[in-house]
Amino acid sequence: MEQGQQTQIDAIRNILFGQNMKVYEEEFNRVRKFIADNRAEMEANARMTNEQVMQTIADLERRMMLQMQKNHEELLAAIRKLEDDKLDRRQMGKLLTDIGSHIAL
């Protein structure tokens, strides 16, 4: 569109709508800028929140793995203790049998 045609369109718009059109246009531009600014801020907040959530999940995974490892080690220790207790009973039974055999002789 040529500059002359744009000037004519602006003149017709001013005749039909008066100066209010410029006021509306300025207000719309302010609203557009406000929306753009808020959108950028919301996107930044969403990215930051996402990063925080991902970090929290990673921290929880590490804590769960450590707790699972600790529980596994405690379970293995308890199993070893039970096996040791069972072995001690067997040894005690064998000793009592040996003592009984010596007494009977």
N, C-alpha and C. Protein backbone atom coordinates (compact mmCIF):
# COMPACT_ATOMS: atom_id res chain seq x y z
N MET A 1 0.86 -1.17 0.00
CA MET A 1 0.00 0.00 0.00
C MET A 1 0.90 1.23 0.00
N GLU A 2 0.52 2.19 -0.80
CA GLU A 2 1.31 3.42 -0.91
C GLU A 2 1.06 4.32 0.28
N GLN A 3 2.00 5.23 0.49
CA GLN A 3 1.89 6.17 1.61
C GLN A 3 0.65 7.03 1.47
N GLY A 4 0.34 7.43 0.25
CA GLY A 4 -0.84 8.28 0.02
C GLY A 4 -2.13 7.57 0.36
N GLN A 5 -2.21 6.30 0.00
CA GLN A 5 -3.42 5.53 0.31
C GLN A 5 -3.56 5.34 1.82
N GLN A 6 -2.44 5.08 2.49
CA GLN A 6 -2.48 4.92 3.95
C GLN A 6 -2.95 6.21 4.61
N THR A 7 -2.49 7.34 4.11
CA THR A 7 -2.90 8.63 4.66
C THR A 7 -4.39 8.83 4.46
N GLN A 8 -4.91 8.45 3.30
CA GLN A 8 -6.34 8.58 3.04
C GLN A 8 -7.15 7.68 3.98
N ILE A 9 -6.66 6.45 4.17
CA ILE A 9 -7.36 5.53 5.08
C ILE A 9 -7.35 6.09 6.50
N ASP A 10 -6.23 6.64 6.93
CA ASP A 10 -6.16 7.25 8.26
C ASP A 10 -7.11 8.42 8.37
N ALA A 11 -7.22 9.22 7.31
CA ALA A 11 -8.13 10.38 7.33
C ALA A 11 -9.57 9.92 7.42
N ILE A 12 -9.95 8.89 6.66
CA ILE A 12 -11.33 8.37 6.71
C ILE A 12 -11.61 7.80 8.09
N ARG A 13 -10.65 7.07 8.64
CA ARG A 13 -10.83 6.50 9.98
C ARG A 13 -11.05 7.62 11.00
N ASN A 14 -10.26 8.69 10.91
CA ASN A 14 -10.42 9.81 11.85
C ASN A 14 -11.78 10.46 11.69
N ILE A 15 -12.29 10.55 10.45
CA ILE A 15 -13.61 11.14 10.24
C ILE A 15 -14.67 10.25 10.86
N LEU A 16 -14.59 8.94 10.62
CA LEU A 16 -15.61 8.02 11.12
C LEU A 16 -15.55 7.85 12.64
N PHE A 17 -14.37 7.66 13.15
CA PHE A 17 -14.23 7.32 14.57
C PHE A 17 -13.66 8.45 15.40
N GLY A 18 -13.14 9.46 14.77
CA GLY A 18 -12.59 10.59 15.50
C GLY A 18 -11.29 10.20 16.20
N GLN A 19 -10.92 11.00 17.16
CA GLN A 19 -9.68 10.78 17.91
C GLN A 19 -9.77 9.55 18.80
N ASN A 20 -10.98 9.08 19.05
CA ASN A 20 -11.13 7.89 19.90
C ASN A 20 -10.38 6.70 19.34
N MET A 21 -10.29 6.60 18.03
CA MET A 21 -9.60 5.47 17.42
C MET A 21 -8.14 5.44 17.85
N LYS A 22 -7.49 6.59 17.90
CA LYS A 22 -6.10 6.63 18.35
C LYS A 22 -6.00 6.21 19.81
N VAL A 23 -6.95 6.66 20.61
CA VAL A 23 -6.96 6.29 22.03
C VAL A 23 -7.14 4.78 22.17
N TYR A 24 -8.08 4.22 21.38
CA TYR A 24 -8.30 2.77 21.43
C TYR A 24 -7.05 2.02 20.98
N GLU A 25 -6.44 2.51 19.92
CA GLU A 25 -5.24 1.85 19.40
C GLU A 25 -4.11 1.89 20.43
N GLU A 26 -3.94 3.02 21.10
CA GLU A 26 -2.92 3.12 22.14
C GLU A 26 -3.23 2.17 23.29
N GLU A 27 -4.50 2.10 23.65
CA GLU A 27 -4.90 1.20 24.74
C GLU A 27 -4.66 -0.26 24.34
N PHE A 28 -5.04 -0.61 23.11
CA PHE A 28 -4.79 -1.97 22.63
C PHE A 28 -3.29 -2.29 22.62
N ASN A 29 -2.48 -1.33 22.23
CA ASN A 29 -1.03 -1.55 22.24
C ASN A 29 -0.52 -1.77 23.65
N ARG A 30 -1.05 -1.01 24.62
CA ARG A 30 -0.66 -1.22 26.03
C ARG A 30 -1.08 -2.60 26.51
N VAL A 31 -2.31 -3.00 26.12
CA VAL A 31 -2.79 -4.33 26.52
C VAL A 31 -1.93 -5.42 25.88
N ARG A 32 -1.61 -5.27 24.60
CA ARG A 32 -0.75 -6.25 23.93
C ARG A 32 0.61 -6.36 24.62
N LYS A 33 1.19 -5.22 24.98
CA LYS A 33 2.49 -5.22 25.66
C LYS A 33 2.37 -5.89 27.02
N PHE A 34 1.29 -5.57 27.75
CA PHE A 34 1.06 -6.17 29.06
C PHE A 34 0.95 -7.70 28.93
N ILE A 35 0.20 -8.15 27.93
CA ILE A 35 0.05 -9.59 27.71
C ILE A 35 1.39 -10.22 27.36
N ALA A 36 2.14 -9.58 26.48
CA ALA A 36 3.44 -10.13 26.08
C ALA A 36 4.40 -10.19 27.27
N ASP A 37 4.41 -9.13 28.08
CA ASP A 37 5.29 -9.13 29.26
C ASP A 37 4.89 -10.22 30.23
N ASN A 38 3.59 -10.35 30.49
CA ASN A 38 3.12 -11.37 31.43
C ASN A 38 3.37 -12.77 30.89
N ARG A 39 3.22 -12.94 29.59
CA ARG A 39 3.46 -14.25 29.00
C ARG A 39 4.93 -14.64 29.19
N ALA A 40 5.82 -13.71 28.93
CA ALA A 40 7.25 -14.00 29.11
C ALA A 40 7.55 -14.34 30.56
N GLU A 41 6.96 -13.59 31.48
CA GLU A 41 7.18 -13.85 32.90
C GLU A 41 6.61 -15.21 33.30
N MET A 42 5.41 -15.53 32.80
CA MET A 42 4.80 -16.82 33.12
C MET A 42 5.63 -17.97 32.56
N GLU A 43 6.15 -17.81 31.35
CA GLU A 43 6.99 -18.86 30.77
C GLU A 43 8.27 -19.04 31.58
N ALA A 44 8.85 -17.94 32.04
CA ALA A 44 10.05 -18.03 32.88
C ALA A 44 9.73 -18.73 34.19
N ASN A 45 8.59 -18.38 34.79
CA ASN A 45 8.17 -19.03 36.04
C ASN A 45 7.91 -20.52 35.82
N ALA A 46 7.30 -20.86 34.69
CA ALA A 46 7.03 -22.27 34.39
C ALA A 46 8.33 -23.04 34.22
N ARG A 47 9.31 -22.45 33.53
CA ARG A 47 10.61 -23.11 33.37
C ARG A 47 11.28 -23.31 34.73
N MET A 48 11.25 -22.27 35.57
CA MET A 48 11.88 -22.36 36.88
C MET A 48 11.18 -23.42 37.73
N THR A 49 9.85 -23.43 37.70
CA THR A 49 9.10 -24.43 38.46
C THR A 49 9.42 -25.83 37.97
N ASN A 50 9.50 -25.99 36.66
CA ASN A 50 9.83 -27.30 36.09
C ASN A 50 11.21 -27.75 36.55
N GLU A 51 12.17 -26.84 36.55
CA GLU A 51 13.52 -27.19 37.01
C GLU A 51 13.51 -27.59 38.48
N GLN A 52 12.73 -26.86 39.29
CA GLN A 52 12.65 -27.19 40.72
C GLN A 52 12.01 -28.56 40.92
N VAL A 53 10.96 -28.85 40.16
CA VAL A 53 10.29 -30.15 40.28
C VAL A 53 11.25 -31.27 39.87
N MET A 54 11.97 -31.06 38.78
CA MET A 54 12.92 -32.08 38.33
C MET A 54 14.03 -32.30 39.36
N GLN A 55 14.50 -31.22 39.99
CA GLN A 55 15.53 -31.34 41.02
C GLN A 55 14.98 -32.08 42.24
N THR A 56 13.75 -31.76 42.62
CA THR A 56 13.12 -32.44 43.75
C THR A 56 12.96 -33.92 43.47
N ILE A 57 12.55 -34.26 42.26
CA ILE A 57 12.41 -35.67 41.89
C ILE A 57 13.76 -36.37 41.95
N ALA A 58 14.79 -35.72 41.42
CA ALA A 58 16.14 -36.32 41.45
C ALA A 58 16.60 -36.52 42.90
N ASP A 59 16.34 -35.54 43.76
CA ASP A 59 16.72 -35.66 45.17
C ASP A 59 15.98 -36.82 45.83
N LEU A 60 14.68 -36.94 45.55
CA LEU A 60 13.90 -38.04 46.12
C LEU A 60 14.40 -39.39 45.62
N GLU A 61 14.74 -39.47 44.34
CA GLU A 61 15.28 -40.72 43.81
C GLU A 61 16.57 -41.10 44.53
N ARG A 62 17.45 -40.12 44.74
CA ARG A 62 18.71 -40.40 45.45
C ARG A 62 18.42 -40.88 46.87
N ARG A 63 17.52 -40.18 47.56
CA ARG A 63 17.20 -40.57 48.94
C ARG A 63 16.59 -41.96 48.98
N MET A 64 15.71 -42.26 48.03
CA MET A 64 15.09 -43.59 48.01
C MET A 64 16.14 -44.67 47.74
N MET A 65 17.05 -44.40 46.82
CA MET A 65 18.09 -45.39 46.52
C MET A 65 18.98 -45.62 47.75
N LEU A 66 19.34 -44.54 48.44
CA LEU A 66 20.16 -44.68 49.65
C LEU A 66 19.41 -45.47 50.71
N GLN A 67 18.12 -45.18 50.89
CA GLN A 67 17.32 -45.89 51.89
C GLN A 67 17.18 -47.36 51.51
N MET A 68 16.96 -47.62 50.23
CA MET A 68 16.84 -49.01 49.78
C MET A 68 18.16 -49.76 50.01
N GLN A 69 19.27 -49.10 49.73
CA GLN A 69 20.58 -49.73 49.95
C GLN A 69 20.78 -50.01 51.44
N LYS A 70 20.42 -49.04 52.28
CA LYS A 70 20.55 -49.22 53.72
C LYS A 70 19.68 -50.38 54.19
N ASN A 71 18.42 -50.43 53.71
CA ASN A 71 17.52 -51.52 54.09
C ASN A 71 18.07 -52.87 53.63
N HIS A 72 18.63 -52.91 52.44
CA HIS A 72 19.20 -54.14 51.91
C HIS A 72 20.36 -54.61 52.79
N GLU A 73 21.22 -53.68 53.15
CA GLU A 73 22.36 -54.03 54.01
C GLU A 73 21.90 -54.51 55.38
N GLU A 74 20.87 -53.86 55.93
CA GLU A 74 20.34 -54.29 57.23
C GLU A 74 19.73 -55.68 57.13
N LEU A 75 19.04 -55.94 56.03
CA LEU A 75 18.44 -57.26 55.83
C LEU A 75 19.52 -58.34 55.71
N LEU A 76 20.57 -58.05 54.95
CA LEU A 76 21.66 -59.01 54.84
C LEU A 76 22.33 -59.26 56.19
N ALA A 77 22.50 -58.20 56.98
CA ALA A 77 23.10 -58.36 58.32
C ALA A 77 22.20 -59.22 59.20
N ALA A 78 20.89 -59.01 59.12
CA ALA A 78 19.96 -59.81 59.93
C ALA A 78 20.00 -61.27 59.49
N ILE A 79 20.09 -61.51 58.20
CA ILE A 79 20.17 -62.89 57.70
C ILE A 79 21.46 -63.55 58.18
N ARG A 80 22.58 -62.81 58.11
CA ARG A 80 23.85 -63.37 58.60
C ARG A 80 23.77 -63.70 60.09
N LYS A 81 23.13 -62.81 60.86
CA LYS A 81 23.00 -63.05 62.30
C LYS A 81 22.17 -64.30 62.56
N LEU A 82 21.07 -64.44 61.82
CA LEU A 82 20.25 -65.64 61.99
C LEU A 82 21.04 -66.90 61.63
N GLU A 83 21.82 -66.82 60.57
CA GLU A 83 22.64 -67.97 60.19
C GLU A 83 23.68 -68.27 61.26
N ASP A 84 24.28 -67.22 61.83
CA ASP A 84 25.26 -67.41 62.91
C ASP A 84 24.60 -68.02 64.13
N ASP A 85 23.40 -67.53 64.49
CA ASP A 85 22.68 -68.09 65.64
C ASP A 85 22.36 -69.56 65.40
N LYS A 86 21.95 -69.89 64.18
CA LYS A 86 21.63 -71.26 63.84
C LYS A 86 22.89 -72.13 63.94
N LEU A 87 24.01 -71.62 63.47
CA LEU A 87 25.27 -72.35 63.54
C LEU A 87 25.70 -72.55 64.99
N ASP A 88 25.52 -71.51 65.82
CA ASP A 88 25.87 -71.63 67.24
C ASP A 88 25.04 -72.73 67.90
N ARG A 89 23.77 -72.83 67.56
CA ARG A 89 22.93 -73.89 68.14
C ARG A 89 23.42 -75.27 67.69
N ARG A 90 23.80 -75.38 66.45
CA ARG A 90 24.32 -76.65 65.96
C ARG A 90 25.61 -77.02 66.70
N GLN A 91 26.48 -76.02 66.85
CA GLN A 91 27.74 -76.27 67.55
C GLN A 91 27.47 -76.67 69.00
N MET A 92 26.50 -75.96 69.62
CA MET A 92 26.18 -76.29 71.00
C MET A 92 25.60 -77.71 71.09
N GLY A 93 24.76 -78.08 70.16
CA GLY A 93 24.21 -79.44 70.14
C GLY A 93 25.30 -80.47 69.96
N LYS A 94 26.25 -80.20 69.07
CA LYS A 94 27.37 -81.13 68.85
C LYS A 94 28.22 -81.24 70.12
N LEU A 95 28.49 -80.08 70.77
CA LEU A 95 29.28 -80.11 72.00
C LEU A 95 28.56 -80.92 73.08
N LEU A 96 27.26 -80.71 73.22
CA LEU A 96 26.51 -81.47 74.23
C LEU A 96 26.53 -82.96 73.90
N THR A 97 26.43 -83.27 72.63
CA THR A 97 26.50 -84.69 72.23
C THR A 97 27.87 -85.27 72.57
N ASP A 98 28.91 -84.49 72.27
CA ASP A 98 30.27 -84.95 72.59
C ASP A 98 30.46 -85.14 74.09
N ILE A 99 29.95 -84.17 74.88
CA ILE A 99 30.06 -84.28 76.34
C ILE A 99 29.30 -85.51 76.82
N GLY A 100 28.10 -85.69 76.28
CA GLY A 100 27.32 -86.87 76.65
C GLY A 100 28.04 -88.16 76.31
N SER A 101 28.71 -88.18 75.19
CA SER A 101 29.47 -89.37 74.77
C SER A 101 30.64 -89.62 75.72
N HIS A 102 31.32 -88.56 76.12
CA HIS A 102 32.45 -88.71 77.04
C HIS A 102 31.99 -89.16 78.42
N ILE A 103 30.85 -88.65 78.86
CA ILE A 103 30.34 -89.03 80.18
C ILE A 103 29.91 -90.50 80.16
N ALA A 104 29.32 -90.93 79.08
CA ALA A 104 28.83 -92.30 78.98
C ALA A 104 29.98 -93.30 78.95
N LEU A 105 31.13 -92.88 78.58
CA LEU A 105 32.25 -93.82 78.51
C LEU A 105 32.76 -94.14 79.83
